[in-house]
N, C-alpha and C. Protein backbone atom coordinates (compact mmCIF):
# COMPACT_ATOMS: atom_id res chain seq x y z
N UNK A 1 -88.70 -32.23 26.61
CA UNK A 1 -87.56 -31.42 26.26
C UNK A 1 -86.28 -32.14 26.65
N UNK A 2 -85.27 -31.96 25.85
CA UNK A 2 -84.04 -32.70 26.05
C UNK A 2 -83.43 -32.49 27.44
N UNK A 3 -83.34 -31.25 27.87
CA UNK A 3 -82.71 -30.97 29.16
C UNK A 3 -83.73 -30.68 30.25
N UNK A 4 -85.01 -30.76 29.91
CA UNK A 4 -86.09 -30.61 30.88
C UNK A 4 -86.01 -29.31 31.66
N UNK A 5 -85.63 -28.23 30.99
CA UNK A 5 -85.51 -26.95 31.66
C UNK A 5 -86.24 -25.91 30.81
N UNK A 6 -87.21 -25.24 31.39
CA UNK A 6 -87.99 -24.28 30.62
C UNK A 6 -87.55 -22.83 30.84
N UNK A 7 -86.60 -22.60 31.72
CA UNK A 7 -86.21 -21.23 32.04
C UNK A 7 -84.82 -20.83 31.55
N UNK A 8 -83.98 -21.79 31.20
CA UNK A 8 -82.61 -21.48 30.83
C UNK A 8 -82.23 -22.24 29.56
N UNK A 9 -81.34 -21.65 28.79
CA UNK A 9 -80.80 -22.29 27.59
C UNK A 9 -79.46 -22.91 27.94
N UNK A 10 -79.30 -24.18 27.65
CA UNK A 10 -78.03 -24.85 27.91
C UNK A 10 -77.24 -24.85 26.60
N UNK A 11 -76.07 -24.24 26.65
CA UNK A 11 -75.24 -24.06 25.47
C UNK A 11 -73.82 -24.52 25.77
N UNK A 12 -73.24 -25.32 24.88
CA UNK A 12 -71.89 -25.81 25.08
C UNK A 12 -70.88 -24.67 25.05
N UNK A 13 -69.96 -24.68 25.97
CA UNK A 13 -68.89 -23.67 25.98
C UNK A 13 -67.88 -23.92 24.86
N UNK A 14 -67.95 -25.08 24.27
CA UNK A 14 -67.03 -25.42 23.18
C UNK A 14 -67.08 -24.37 22.07
N UNK A 15 -68.23 -23.78 21.86
CA UNK A 15 -68.41 -22.76 20.83
C UNK A 15 -67.50 -21.55 21.05
N UNK A 16 -67.09 -21.32 22.29
CA UNK A 16 -66.29 -20.14 22.63
C UNK A 16 -64.80 -20.44 22.80
N UNK A 17 -64.37 -21.62 22.39
CA UNK A 17 -62.96 -21.99 22.50
C UNK A 17 -62.18 -21.53 21.27
N UNK A 18 -60.86 -21.58 21.38
CA UNK A 18 -59.99 -21.20 20.27
C UNK A 18 -60.28 -22.02 19.02
N UNK A 19 -60.67 -23.26 19.20
CA UNK A 19 -60.96 -24.16 18.08
C UNK A 19 -62.02 -23.57 17.14
N UNK A 20 -62.95 -22.80 17.69
CA UNK A 20 -64.05 -22.27 16.90
C UNK A 20 -64.05 -20.74 16.82
N UNK A 21 -62.92 -20.10 17.16
CA UNK A 21 -62.90 -18.64 17.14
C UNK A 21 -63.06 -18.06 15.74
N UNK A 22 -62.72 -18.81 14.71
CA UNK A 22 -62.86 -18.30 13.34
C UNK A 22 -64.25 -18.57 12.76
N UNK A 23 -65.10 -19.25 13.51
CA UNK A 23 -66.46 -19.52 13.06
C UNK A 23 -67.22 -18.18 12.95
N UNK A 24 -67.84 -17.91 11.82
CA UNK A 24 -68.55 -16.63 11.65
C UNK A 24 -69.64 -16.44 12.71
N UNK A 25 -69.87 -15.20 13.09
CA UNK A 25 -70.87 -14.93 14.13
C UNK A 25 -72.26 -15.39 13.70
N UNK A 26 -72.54 -15.38 12.38
CA UNK A 26 -73.84 -15.86 11.91
C UNK A 26 -74.01 -17.34 12.22
N UNK A 27 -72.95 -18.12 12.05
CA UNK A 27 -72.98 -19.55 12.38
C UNK A 27 -73.17 -19.74 13.87
N UNK A 28 -72.51 -18.93 14.67
CA UNK A 28 -72.66 -19.03 16.13
C UNK A 28 -74.08 -18.70 16.55
N UNK A 29 -74.69 -17.70 15.91
CA UNK A 29 -76.07 -17.35 16.24
C UNK A 29 -77.01 -18.49 15.85
N UNK A 30 -76.83 -19.05 14.65
CA UNK A 30 -77.66 -20.17 14.20
C UNK A 30 -77.52 -21.34 15.16
N UNK A 31 -76.28 -21.63 15.59
CA UNK A 31 -76.04 -22.71 16.54
C UNK A 31 -76.77 -22.46 17.85
N UNK A 32 -76.73 -21.23 18.32
CA UNK A 32 -77.40 -20.87 19.57
C UNK A 32 -78.91 -21.09 19.44
N UNK A 33 -79.49 -20.62 18.34
CA UNK A 33 -80.93 -20.79 18.12
C UNK A 33 -81.27 -22.27 17.96
N UNK A 34 -80.42 -23.01 17.26
CA UNK A 34 -80.67 -24.45 17.08
C UNK A 34 -80.64 -25.18 18.43
N UNK A 35 -79.77 -24.75 19.34
CA UNK A 35 -79.75 -25.34 20.68
C UNK A 35 -81.08 -25.10 21.39
N UNK A 36 -81.60 -23.89 21.27
CA UNK A 36 -82.88 -23.58 21.89
C UNK A 36 -83.99 -24.41 21.25
N UNK A 37 -83.97 -24.54 19.93
CA UNK A 37 -84.99 -25.34 19.24
C UNK A 37 -84.91 -26.80 19.64
N UNK A 38 -83.69 -27.32 19.76
CA UNK A 38 -83.53 -28.70 20.19
C UNK A 38 -84.14 -28.91 21.57
N UNK A 39 -83.87 -27.99 22.47
CA UNK A 39 -84.40 -28.13 23.83
C UNK A 39 -85.91 -27.96 23.86
N UNK A 40 -86.45 -27.17 22.94
CA UNK A 40 -87.89 -26.95 22.90
C UNK A 40 -88.63 -28.09 22.22
N UNK A 41 -88.06 -28.65 21.15
CA UNK A 41 -88.81 -29.58 20.31
C UNK A 41 -88.47 -31.06 20.47
N UNK A 42 -87.43 -31.41 21.23
CA UNK A 42 -87.17 -32.84 21.45
C UNK A 42 -87.98 -33.31 22.64
N UNK A 43 -88.44 -34.52 22.55
CA UNK A 43 -89.24 -35.09 23.63
C UNK A 43 -88.54 -36.29 24.23
N UNK A 44 -89.29 -37.02 25.02
CA UNK A 44 -88.74 -38.22 25.63
C UNK A 44 -88.33 -39.21 24.55
N UNK A 45 -87.13 -39.73 24.67
CA UNK A 45 -86.64 -40.72 23.73
C UNK A 45 -86.17 -40.14 22.40
N UNK A 46 -86.24 -38.82 22.23
CA UNK A 46 -85.77 -38.20 20.99
C UNK A 46 -84.55 -37.34 21.29
N UNK A 47 -83.64 -37.31 20.33
CA UNK A 47 -82.48 -36.44 20.48
C UNK A 47 -82.26 -35.63 19.22
N UNK A 48 -83.32 -35.40 18.45
CA UNK A 48 -83.22 -34.58 17.25
C UNK A 48 -84.52 -33.79 17.09
N UNK A 49 -84.45 -32.78 16.24
CA UNK A 49 -85.63 -31.98 15.91
C UNK A 49 -85.61 -31.72 14.42
N UNK A 50 -86.70 -31.28 13.87
CA UNK A 50 -86.75 -30.99 12.45
C UNK A 50 -87.23 -29.57 12.24
N UNK A 51 -86.69 -28.97 11.19
CA UNK A 51 -86.99 -27.58 10.87
C UNK A 51 -86.65 -27.34 9.41
N UNK A 52 -87.49 -26.63 8.69
CA UNK A 52 -87.18 -26.25 7.32
C UNK A 52 -86.25 -25.03 7.35
N UNK A 53 -85.60 -24.74 6.23
CA UNK A 53 -84.78 -23.54 6.16
C UNK A 53 -85.63 -22.29 6.37
N UNK A 54 -86.86 -22.32 5.88
CA UNK A 54 -87.76 -21.18 6.10
C UNK A 54 -88.05 -21.01 7.59
N UNK A 55 -88.32 -22.13 8.29
CA UNK A 55 -88.55 -22.06 9.73
C UNK A 55 -87.32 -21.52 10.46
N UNK A 56 -86.13 -22.04 10.10
CA UNK A 56 -84.89 -21.57 10.73
C UNK A 56 -84.67 -20.09 10.45
N UNK A 57 -85.00 -19.69 9.24
CA UNK A 57 -84.86 -18.29 8.85
C UNK A 57 -85.70 -17.40 9.76
N UNK A 58 -86.93 -17.80 9.99
CA UNK A 58 -87.82 -17.04 10.86
C UNK A 58 -87.36 -17.09 12.32
N UNK A 59 -86.90 -18.27 12.76
CA UNK A 59 -86.42 -18.42 14.14
C UNK A 59 -85.21 -17.53 14.42
N UNK A 60 -84.31 -17.44 13.44
CA UNK A 60 -83.05 -16.72 13.62
C UNK A 60 -83.12 -15.25 13.22
N UNK A 61 -84.15 -14.88 12.46
CA UNK A 61 -84.23 -13.52 11.95
C UNK A 61 -83.22 -13.27 10.84
N UNK A 62 -82.90 -14.32 10.08
CA UNK A 62 -81.95 -14.23 8.97
C UNK A 62 -82.63 -14.72 7.70
N UNK A 63 -82.07 -14.39 6.55
CA UNK A 63 -82.64 -14.85 5.29
C UNK A 63 -82.37 -16.35 5.11
N UNK A 64 -83.16 -17.00 4.27
CA UNK A 64 -82.94 -18.42 4.00
C UNK A 64 -81.56 -18.65 3.39
N UNK A 65 -81.13 -17.74 2.53
CA UNK A 65 -79.81 -17.86 1.91
C UNK A 65 -78.71 -17.82 2.97
N UNK A 66 -78.86 -16.92 3.94
CA UNK A 66 -77.89 -16.83 5.03
C UNK A 66 -77.91 -18.10 5.88
N UNK A 67 -79.09 -18.64 6.13
CA UNK A 67 -79.21 -19.89 6.89
C UNK A 67 -78.45 -21.00 6.19
N UNK A 68 -78.70 -21.17 4.89
CA UNK A 68 -78.03 -22.24 4.13
C UNK A 68 -76.52 -22.06 4.14
N UNK A 69 -76.07 -20.84 3.99
CA UNK A 69 -74.63 -20.56 3.93
C UNK A 69 -73.93 -20.82 5.27
N UNK A 70 -74.54 -20.35 6.37
CA UNK A 70 -73.84 -20.38 7.64
C UNK A 70 -74.15 -21.58 8.52
N UNK A 71 -75.11 -22.41 8.15
CA UNK A 71 -75.28 -23.65 8.91
C UNK A 71 -74.31 -24.72 8.39
N UNK A 72 -73.84 -24.53 7.16
CA UNK A 72 -72.90 -25.48 6.56
C UNK A 72 -71.64 -25.69 7.42
N UNK A 73 -70.98 -24.61 7.91
CA UNK A 73 -69.80 -24.83 8.76
C UNK A 73 -70.11 -25.59 10.05
N UNK A 74 -71.31 -25.41 10.58
CA UNK A 74 -71.70 -26.13 11.80
C UNK A 74 -71.72 -27.63 11.55
N UNK A 75 -72.19 -28.01 10.38
CA UNK A 75 -72.26 -29.43 10.00
C UNK A 75 -70.86 -29.95 9.71
N UNK A 76 -70.08 -29.18 8.94
CA UNK A 76 -68.72 -29.60 8.55
C UNK A 76 -67.79 -29.73 9.76
N UNK A 77 -67.97 -28.88 10.77
CA UNK A 77 -67.12 -28.92 11.96
C UNK A 77 -67.60 -29.91 13.01
N UNK A 78 -68.71 -30.58 12.74
CA UNK A 78 -69.19 -31.61 13.66
C UNK A 78 -69.95 -31.08 14.87
N UNK A 79 -70.45 -29.86 14.79
CA UNK A 79 -71.25 -29.31 15.88
C UNK A 79 -72.71 -29.74 15.76
N UNK A 80 -73.15 -29.93 14.51
CA UNK A 80 -74.54 -30.28 14.23
C UNK A 80 -74.56 -31.41 13.21
N UNK A 81 -75.42 -32.37 13.41
CA UNK A 81 -75.64 -33.44 12.44
C UNK A 81 -76.93 -33.11 11.69
N UNK A 82 -76.94 -33.32 10.39
CA UNK A 82 -78.10 -33.01 9.55
C UNK A 82 -78.41 -34.18 8.63
N UNK A 83 -79.69 -34.48 8.46
CA UNK A 83 -80.12 -35.47 7.47
C UNK A 83 -81.54 -35.13 7.04
N UNK A 84 -81.93 -35.66 5.89
CA UNK A 84 -83.30 -35.47 5.40
C UNK A 84 -84.13 -36.68 5.78
N UNK A 85 -85.41 -36.42 6.03
CA UNK A 85 -86.31 -37.50 6.42
C UNK A 85 -87.72 -37.18 5.93
N UNK A 86 -88.58 -38.16 6.00
CA UNK A 86 -90.00 -37.99 5.65
C UNK A 86 -90.83 -38.14 6.92
N UNK A 87 -91.96 -37.44 6.96
CA UNK A 87 -92.95 -37.73 7.97
C UNK A 87 -93.64 -39.03 7.56
N UNK A 88 -94.05 -39.83 8.53
CA UNK A 88 -94.83 -41.02 8.24
C UNK A 88 -96.19 -40.84 8.89
N UNK A 89 -97.23 -40.91 8.07
CA UNK A 89 -98.59 -40.76 8.56
C UNK A 89 -98.90 -41.93 9.48
N UNK A 90 -99.30 -41.64 10.70
CA UNK A 90 -99.52 -42.70 11.69
C UNK A 90 -100.70 -43.60 11.33
N UNK A 91 -101.66 -43.08 10.58
CA UNK A 91 -102.83 -43.89 10.20
C UNK A 91 -102.57 -44.72 8.94
N UNK A 92 -102.01 -44.08 7.91
CA UNK A 92 -101.82 -44.79 6.64
C UNK A 92 -100.45 -45.45 6.52
N UNK A 93 -99.52 -45.05 7.38
CA UNK A 93 -98.14 -45.55 7.37
C UNK A 93 -97.39 -45.15 6.09
N UNK A 94 -97.90 -44.15 5.37
CA UNK A 94 -97.25 -43.69 4.15
C UNK A 94 -96.31 -42.53 4.47
N UNK A 95 -95.20 -42.47 3.71
CA UNK A 95 -94.25 -41.38 3.85
C UNK A 95 -94.81 -40.12 3.21
N UNK A 96 -94.42 -38.99 3.76
CA UNK A 96 -94.80 -37.71 3.16
C UNK A 96 -94.13 -37.57 1.80
N UNK A 97 -94.73 -36.77 0.97
CA UNK A 97 -94.19 -36.55 -0.37
C UNK A 97 -92.88 -35.77 -0.33
N UNK A 98 -92.80 -34.80 0.57
CA UNK A 98 -91.62 -33.94 0.66
C UNK A 98 -90.77 -34.32 1.86
N UNK A 99 -89.45 -34.18 1.69
CA UNK A 99 -88.52 -34.44 2.78
C UNK A 99 -88.42 -33.20 3.66
N UNK A 100 -88.05 -33.43 4.90
CA UNK A 100 -87.78 -32.34 5.83
C UNK A 100 -86.36 -32.51 6.37
N UNK A 101 -85.80 -31.45 6.92
CA UNK A 101 -84.46 -31.49 7.49
C UNK A 101 -84.54 -31.81 8.97
N UNK A 102 -83.75 -32.76 9.38
CA UNK A 102 -83.64 -33.12 10.80
C UNK A 102 -82.25 -32.74 11.29
N UNK A 103 -82.16 -32.33 12.56
CA UNK A 103 -80.91 -31.88 13.13
C UNK A 103 -80.71 -32.50 14.50
N UNK A 104 -79.44 -32.75 14.81
CA UNK A 104 -79.04 -33.21 16.15
C UNK A 104 -77.84 -32.36 16.56
N UNK A 105 -77.89 -31.79 17.73
CA UNK A 105 -76.76 -31.02 18.26
C UNK A 105 -75.78 -32.03 18.86
N UNK A 106 -74.52 -31.95 18.45
CA UNK A 106 -73.56 -32.98 18.82
C UNK A 106 -72.63 -32.59 19.98
N UNK A 107 -72.69 -31.37 20.45
CA UNK A 107 -71.78 -30.98 21.54
C UNK A 107 -72.53 -30.88 22.85
């Protein structure tokens, strides 16, 4: 885990500053859940995690449409970095057919 803490969620206070006061509460909730996911799913030497919109939807308790709409400001404001990637099969060294979304929390 990124912060090696299993009992507490570490969240940047930057989210609560005047700079981000106009950020919709849905975006703030998604950011909070993404922070928890990052801390849960990153391992040694990793600083990103991957999640589909369906997975994020289930994690946040929001619809996929809401996830797509409200994660966009997080990316545009530089709070979260997003890119698409493929899984690589460790035995065959072949890329997966479908891309997945990878995220890195930047604050």
